[in-house]
């Protein structure tokens, strides 16, 4: 493979990763909104399940990032 092909391949992979993140976040937000609507209209358990499923798609990345930062701060101070 030439250097030009490697560069094009990296750009394509980066673009696919960005699209994947956008689609996952959109799906998570959509599921949470539908779940909120179901809770509002009285279908409580299914709605709460959907809200939880939507938040699960969003929350782990933020929680990992938070713990990574806090762990780095503790190690940096020692």
Protein backbone atom coordinates (compact mmCIF):
# COMPACT_ATOMS: atom_id res chain seq x y z
CA UNK A 1 0.00 0.00 0.00
CA UNK A 2 1.23 3.44 -0.77
CA UNK A 3 1.25 6.29 1.67
CA UNK A 4 -1.59 7.99 -0.20
CA UNK A 5 -3.79 4.90 0.15
CA UNK A 6 -3.01 4.68 3.86
CA UNK A 7 -4.02 8.31 4.32
CA UNK A 8 -7.28 7.78 2.44
CA UNK A 9 -7.99 4.65 4.50
CA UNK A 10 -7.43 6.52 7.80
CA UNK A 11 -9.71 9.34 6.67
CA UNK A 12 -12.43 6.86 5.71
CA UNK A 13 -12.14 5.03 9.05
CA UNK A 14 -12.32 8.30 10.97
CA UNK A 15 -15.43 9.31 9.01
CA UNK A 16 -17.09 5.96 9.75
CA UNK A 17 -16.33 6.29 13.47
CA UNK A 18 -17.86 9.77 13.55
CA UNK A 19 -21.00 8.55 11.78
CA UNK A 20 -21.27 5.61 14.17
CA UNK A 21 -21.12 7.91 17.20
CA UNK A 22 -23.74 10.24 15.73
CA UNK A 23 -26.11 7.37 14.94
CA UNK A 24 -25.70 5.78 18.37
CA UNK A 25 -26.29 9.08 20.16
CA UNK A 26 -29.31 9.83 17.97
CA UNK A 27 -30.78 6.40 18.64
CA UNK A 28 -30.22 6.76 22.38
CA UNK A 29 -31.84 10.18 22.50
CA UNK A 30 -34.74 8.96 20.34
CA UNK A 31 -35.39 5.96 22.56
CA UNK A 32 -35.28 8.18 25.67
CA UNK A 33 -37.77 10.63 24.14
CA UNK A 34 -40.16 7.82 23.16
CA UNK A 35 -39.82 6.36 26.65
CA UNK A 36 -40.62 9.73 28.20
CA UNK A 37 -43.72 9.94 26.00
CA UNK A 38 -44.83 6.48 27.09
CA UNK A 39 -44.43 7.41 30.77
CA UNK A 40 -46.39 10.60 30.13
CA UNK A 41 -49.24 8.63 28.53
CA UNK A 42 -49.38 6.08 31.35
CA UNK A 43 -47.36 3.16 30.02
CA UNK A 44 -44.96 3.51 32.90
CA UNK A 45 -42.88 0.34 33.04
CA UNK A 46 -42.18 0.11 29.32
CA UNK A 47 -41.43 3.85 29.24
CA UNK A 48 -39.01 3.64 32.16
CA UNK A 49 -37.31 0.66 30.52
CA UNK A 50 -36.88 2.63 27.29
CA UNK A 51 -35.55 5.66 29.15
CA UNK A 52 -33.03 3.42 30.91
CA UNK A 53 -32.02 1.77 27.63
CA UNK A 54 -31.54 5.18 26.01
CA UNK A 55 -29.49 6.50 28.91
CA UNK A 56 -27.38 3.35 28.91
CA UNK A 57 -26.32 4.19 25.37
CA UNK A 58 -25.21 7.66 26.45
CA UNK A 59 -24.02 7.38 30.04
CA UNK A 60 -21.17 4.82 29.93
CA UNK A 61 -18.95 7.04 27.77
CA UNK A 62 -19.39 10.01 30.08
CA UNK A 63 -18.90 7.92 33.20
CA UNK A 64 -15.71 6.38 31.79
CA UNK A 65 -14.42 9.81 30.84
CA UNK A 66 -15.22 11.18 34.32
CA UNK A 67 -13.40 8.34 36.09
CA UNK A 68 -10.45 8.55 33.70
CA UNK A 69 -10.09 12.27 34.49
CA UNK A 70 -10.48 11.82 38.24
CA UNK A 71 -8.00 8.94 38.27
CA UNK A 72 -5.50 11.02 36.31
CA UNK A 73 -5.91 13.91 38.76
CA UNK A 74 -5.21 11.64 41.74
CA UNK A 75 -2.11 10.14 40.11
CA UNK A 76 -0.84 13.54 39.03
CA UNK A 77 -1.06 14.89 42.56
CA UNK A 78 0.88 12.06 44.17
